[in-house]
Amino acid sequence: MNRLSADRVTVAFDGLTALSEVDLEVTPGRITGLIGPNGAGKTTLVNVLTGFQKPTGGAVTLNGTNLSALEPHEVRRQGVARTFQGGRLFRDLPVIDNLEVTGVGLGKSRAAAIAEAEEMLAWVGIAPLADRIAGTLPYTDERRVAIGRALMGRPGFVLLDEPAAGMSAQEADELAHLVRRIAGEMGCGVLLIEHNVGLVLELCDHIVVLDSGAVIEAGDPAAIRGSEKVRHAYMGTAADTDLPVLEVME
């Protein structure tokens, strides 16, 4: 079976261990959640999975092939895409050009890249934004454009880093519908990294919980809701953004 896997991944910076022997698996058509308090190591793990950070131990494999030595653009060409917390759009370019550039970077002709960009914007539901300059978009629209860009080339796996940040409840519901379509209609393996634990519990088949760089719990939503380890991890942080999580998990 196809899978993107982190196998005992460890990352150490000058004696500080950011990740310690982390195991995680993403499979096609399935939504996997990754949660944890601030500083748990979530983004570091996403960086490792996508080639932006080299592990100091363990490996990242795609269908059994080791990706750990590849550069980010090489990982992307293997069918592993991601979004970033900050969007990272080309802010001076129109939205459609943001997607077109990705298509060309993946080896398509310009005409083919434009055609796919138009199709993808329509599929995501943001075709009216095509000619807008990316830097003029509201923050939540930037997120949707970033997802559309990540889906260029029909990757087998997509890692969504805090896609619901700053969204209203209605916008988060619309995002949830889109994520379900990405997994269900595209057959894409989705890794959802979110502070909105309610969204993760609603969407994900399997959830991995990080704390201080280590996996403290993994299982289905019911197991995560009932985990004392997870409750303790969130109760142990003073970050205001994490406090509502306890109410959601009751």
Protein backbone atom coordinates (compact mmCIF):
# COMPACT_ATOMS: atom_id res chain seq x y z
CA MET A 1 0.00 0.00 0.00
CA ASN A 2 1.22 3.52 -0.82
CA ARG A 3 2.22 5.52 2.22
CA LEU A 4 4.27 8.50 3.36
CA SER A 5 6.02 7.57 6.58
CA ALA A 6 8.17 9.10 9.27
CA ASP A 7 10.13 6.25 10.83
CA ARG A 8 11.73 7.03 14.20
CA VAL A 9 12.50 10.58 13.00
CA THR A 10 14.76 12.57 15.29
CA VAL A 11 15.87 16.19 14.88
CA ALA A 12 18.43 17.81 17.18
CA PHE A 13 19.64 21.43 17.05
CA ASP A 14 22.86 22.12 18.97
CA GLY A 15 21.99 19.60 21.66
CA LEU A 16 18.29 20.50 21.78
CA THR A 17 16.05 17.65 20.65
CA ALA A 18 13.13 19.03 18.60
CA LEU A 19 11.81 15.59 17.60
CA SER A 20 12.53 12.28 19.27
CA GLU A 21 11.95 9.02 17.36
CA VAL A 22 8.62 10.12 15.89
CA ASP A 23 6.58 7.64 13.86
CA LEU A 24 3.76 8.84 11.61
CA GLU A 25 2.05 7.47 8.52
CA VAL A 26 -0.15 9.12 5.88
CA THR A 27 -2.07 6.93 3.45
CA PRO A 28 -4.06 7.77 0.29
CA GLY A 29 -7.67 8.82 0.73
CA ARG A 30 -7.30 9.18 4.48
CA ILE A 31 -7.11 12.29 6.65
CA THR A 32 -4.54 12.07 9.44
CA GLY A 33 -4.38 14.73 12.15
CA LEU A 34 -1.30 16.10 13.88
CA ILE A 35 -1.92 18.13 17.03
CA GLY A 36 -0.03 19.28 20.11
CA PRO A 37 0.64 22.37 22.22
CA ASN A 38 2.75 25.27 20.96
CA GLY A 39 6.35 24.16 20.56
CA ALA A 40 5.46 20.46 20.34
CA GLY A 41 7.40 19.99 17.09
CA LYS A 42 4.53 19.86 14.58
CA THR A 43 5.99 22.22 11.98
CA THR A 44 9.45 20.71 12.40
CA LEU A 45 7.96 17.32 11.52
CA VAL A 46 6.21 18.77 8.45
CA ASN A 47 9.53 20.34 7.42
CA VAL A 48 11.22 16.95 7.71
CA LEU A 49 8.48 15.21 5.70
CA THR A 50 8.85 17.74 2.88
CA GLY A 51 12.64 18.08 2.73
CA PHE A 52 12.98 21.50 4.38
CA GLN A 53 14.70 19.98 7.41
CA LYS A 54 17.03 16.98 7.37
CA PRO A 55 16.51 14.46 10.17
CA THR A 56 19.46 13.67 12.41
CA GLY A 57 18.02 10.21 13.00
CA GLY A 58 15.42 7.98 11.38
CA ALA A 59 14.06 8.43 7.88
CA VAL A 60 11.18 9.66 5.75
CA THR A 61 10.00 7.13 3.20
CA LEU A 62 7.52 7.23 0.34
CA ASN A 63 6.29 3.80 -0.69
CA GLY A 64 9.43 2.38 0.91
CA THR A 65 11.85 4.75 -0.85
CA ASN A 66 13.95 6.96 1.42
CA LEU A 67 13.30 10.68 0.80
CA SER A 68 15.50 12.03 3.59
CA ALA A 69 18.36 13.15 1.34
CA LEU A 70 16.13 14.93 -1.21
CA GLU A 71 15.72 18.68 -1.52
CA PRO A 72 12.22 20.21 -1.11
CA HIS A 73 11.62 20.60 -4.86
CA GLU A 74 12.61 16.96 -5.38
CA VAL A 75 10.21 15.81 -2.67
CA ARG A 76 7.46 17.88 -4.32
CA ARG A 77 8.13 16.19 -7.65
CA GLN A 78 7.72 12.85 -5.91
CA GLY A 79 4.12 13.83 -5.15
CA VAL A 80 4.39 15.27 -1.62
CA ALA A 81 2.99 18.81 -1.39
CA ARG A 82 2.43 21.19 1.49
CA THR A 83 1.06 24.55 2.56
CA PHE A 84 2.77 26.95 4.95
CA GLN A 85 1.44 28.76 8.01
CA GLY A 86 2.20 32.10 6.42
CA GLY A 87 0.76 31.31 3.00
CA ARG A 88 3.98 32.24 1.16
CA LEU A 89 2.20 33.33 -2.01
CA PHE A 90 3.92 35.40 -4.68
CA ARG A 91 2.21 38.52 -3.44
CA ASP A 92 2.86 40.72 -6.50
CA LEU A 93 1.41 38.18 -8.95
CA PRO A 94 -2.22 37.39 -9.78
CA VAL A 95 -3.68 34.33 -8.10
CA ILE A 96 -3.72 32.27 -11.29
CA ASP A 97 -0.03 33.00 -11.85
CA ASN A 98 0.74 31.61 -8.39
CA LEU A 99 -0.67 28.28 -9.51
CA GLU A 100 0.77 28.48 -13.01
CA VAL A 101 4.31 28.94 -11.65
CA THR A 102 3.92 25.72 -9.66
CA GLY A 103 2.72 23.83 -12.74
CA VAL A 104 5.71 25.03 -14.78
CA GLY A 105 8.02 24.13 -11.91
CA LEU A 106 6.61 20.61 -12.00
CA GLY A 107 7.56 20.28 -15.66
CA LYS A 108 4.39 21.30 -17.49
CA SER A 109 4.36 23.59 -20.49
CA ARG A 110 3.04 27.07 -19.78
CA ALA A 111 -0.20 26.36 -21.68
CA ALA A 112 -0.77 23.13 -19.75
CA ALA A 113 0.04 24.86 -16.45
CA ILE A 114 -2.46 27.65 -17.14
CA ALA A 115 -5.15 25.14 -18.08
CA GLU A 116 -4.58 23.14 -14.89
CA ALA A 117 -4.48 26.32 -12.79
CA GLU A 118 -7.88 27.39 -14.15
CA GLU A 119 -9.29 23.92 -13.49
CA MET A 120 -7.87 23.85 -9.96
CA LEU A 121 -9.19 27.28 -9.02
CA ALA A 122 -12.65 26.16 -10.13
CA TRP A 123 -12.34 22.87 -8.24
CA VAL A 124 -11.34 24.63 -5.01
CA GLY A 125 -14.17 27.14 -5.53
CA ILE A 126 -12.09 30.29 -5.95
CA ALA A 127 -12.23 30.85 -9.72
CA PRO A 128 -13.45 34.48 -9.22
CA LEU A 129 -10.11 35.25 -7.53
CA ALA A 130 -8.03 34.29 -10.58
CA ASP A 131 -7.07 37.82 -11.60
CA ARG A 132 -6.72 39.28 -8.12
CA ILE A 133 -3.23 40.25 -7.03
CA ALA A 134 -2.36 37.73 -4.33
CA GLY A 135 -1.09 40.39 -1.93
CA THR A 136 -4.50 42.08 -1.87
CA LEU A 137 -6.41 39.01 -0.69
CA PRO A 138 -7.90 38.64 2.78
CA TYR A 139 -5.92 36.24 4.96
CA THR A 140 -8.47 33.43 4.69
CA ASP A 141 -8.54 33.62 0.89
CA GLU A 142 -4.75 33.40 0.89
CA ARG A 143 -5.14 30.06 2.67
CA ARG A 144 -7.49 28.73 0.00
CA VAL A 145 -5.18 29.86 -2.79
CA ALA A 146 -2.26 28.16 -1.03
CA ILE A 147 -4.25 24.91 -0.92
CA GLY A 148 -5.07 25.20 -4.61
CA ARG A 149 -1.40 25.77 -5.38
CA ALA A 150 -0.41 22.74 -3.32
CA LEU A 151 -2.84 20.58 -5.30
CA MET A 152 -1.24 21.45 -8.64
CA GLY A 153 0.13 18.34 -10.29
CA ARG A 154 -2.33 16.16 -8.36
CA PRO A 155 0.08 15.13 -5.57
CA GLY A 156 -0.44 11.84 -3.81
CA PHE A 157 0.00 13.50 -0.43
CA VAL A 158 -0.67 17.01 0.86
CA LEU A 159 0.34 18.41 4.25
CA LEU A 160 -1.81 21.32 5.43
CA ASP A 161 -0.04 23.40 8.08
CA GLU A 162 -2.60 25.38 10.13
CA PRO A 163 -5.01 25.96 7.21
CA ALA A 164 -7.87 27.14 9.47
CA ALA A 165 -5.85 29.78 11.32
CA GLY A 166 -7.79 33.03 11.51
CA MET A 167 -10.95 31.53 10.01
CA SER A 168 -14.46 32.05 11.33
CA ALA A 169 -16.59 29.03 12.23
CA GLN A 170 -18.34 29.18 8.84
CA GLU A 171 -15.05 29.45 6.97
CA ALA A 172 -13.67 26.50 8.96
CA ASP A 173 -16.75 24.48 7.98
CA GLU A 174 -16.13 25.31 4.32
CA LEU A 175 -12.50 24.28 4.75
CA ALA A 176 -13.59 20.98 6.29
CA HIS A 177 -15.73 20.28 3.22
CA LEU A 178 -12.76 21.02 0.94
CA VAL A 179 -10.41 18.77 2.91
CA ARG A 180 -12.92 15.91 2.70
CA ARG A 181 -13.07 16.39 -1.07
CA ILE A 182 -9.28 16.39 -1.35
CA ALA A 183 -9.16 12.99 0.36
CA GLY A 184 -12.35 11.55 -1.11
CA GLU A 185 -12.44 12.85 -4.69
CA MET A 186 -8.71 13.18 -5.34
CA GLY A 187 -7.76 10.15 -3.27
CA CYS A 188 -5.02 12.26 -1.72
CA GLY A 189 -3.45 11.37 1.61
CA VAL A 190 -3.93 14.41 3.85
CA LEU A 191 -1.98 15.38 6.95
CA LEU A 192 -3.87 18.11 8.82
CA ILE A 193 -1.84 20.11 11.34
CA GLU A 194 -4.13 22.32 13.39
CA HIS A 195 -4.63 24.18 16.67
CA ASN A 196 -8.36 23.87 16.00
CA VAL A 197 -8.67 20.48 17.68
CA GLY A 198 -12.43 20.40 17.13
CA LEU A 199 -11.79 20.50 13.37
CA VAL A 200 -9.23 17.71 13.64
CA LEU A 201 -11.55 15.53 15.72
CA GLU A 202 -14.32 16.07 13.17
CA LEU A 203 -12.27 15.36 10.05
CA CYS A 204 -9.56 12.86 10.88
CA ASP A 205 -9.59 9.08 10.81
CA HIS A 206 -6.39 8.88 12.83
CA ILE A 207 -4.69 11.49 15.03
CA VAL A 208 -1.12 11.75 16.29
CA VAL A 209 -0.39 13.96 19.30
CA LEU A 210 3.04 15.49 19.83
CA ASP A 211 4.36 17.05 23.02
CA SER A 212 7.94 18.22 23.54
CA GLY A 213 8.97 16.54 20.30
CA ALA A 214 7.64 13.07 21.11
CA VAL A 215 4.46 11.18 20.27
CA ILE A 216 2.41 10.92 23.46
CA GLU A 217 -0.75 9.47 21.94
CA ALA A 218 -2.09 8.16 18.63
CA GLY A 219 -5.47 6.76 17.71
CA ASP A 220 -8.94 7.54 16.44
CA PRO A 221 -10.87 10.62 17.63
CA ALA A 222 -12.55 8.73 20.47
CA ALA A 223 -9.18 7.60 21.83
CA ILE A 224 -7.79 11.14 21.66
CA ARG A 225 -10.84 12.62 23.40
CA GLY A 226 -10.46 10.14 26.25
CA SER A 227 -6.70 10.44 26.66
CA GLU A 228 -5.43 11.80 29.97
CA LYS A 229 -2.00 12.27 28.39
CA VAL A 230 -3.49 14.63 25.81
CA ARG A 231 -5.46 16.58 28.41
CA HIS A 232 -2.36 16.94 30.55
CA ALA A 233 -0.30 18.15 27.58
CA TYR A 234 -2.75 20.94 26.82
CA MET A 235 -3.39 21.83 30.45
CA GLY A 236 0.33 22.20 30.95
CA THR A 237 0.61 25.12 28.54
CA ALA A 238 -0.29 28.71 29.34
CA ALA A 239 -0.85 29.60 25.67
CA ASP A 240 -4.25 31.26 25.34
CA THR A 241 -4.76 29.68 21.93
CA ASP A 242 -4.72 26.21 23.52
CA LEU A 243 -7.16 26.83 26.38
CA PRO A 244 -10.39 26.40 24.38
CA VAL A 245 -9.20 22.97 23.30
CA LEU A 246 -10.13 21.56 26.70
CA GLU A 247 -13.73 22.66 26.25
CA VAL A 248 -13.89 21.18 22.76
CA MET A 249 -12.63 17.84 24.02
CA GLU A 250 -15.15 17.52 26.85
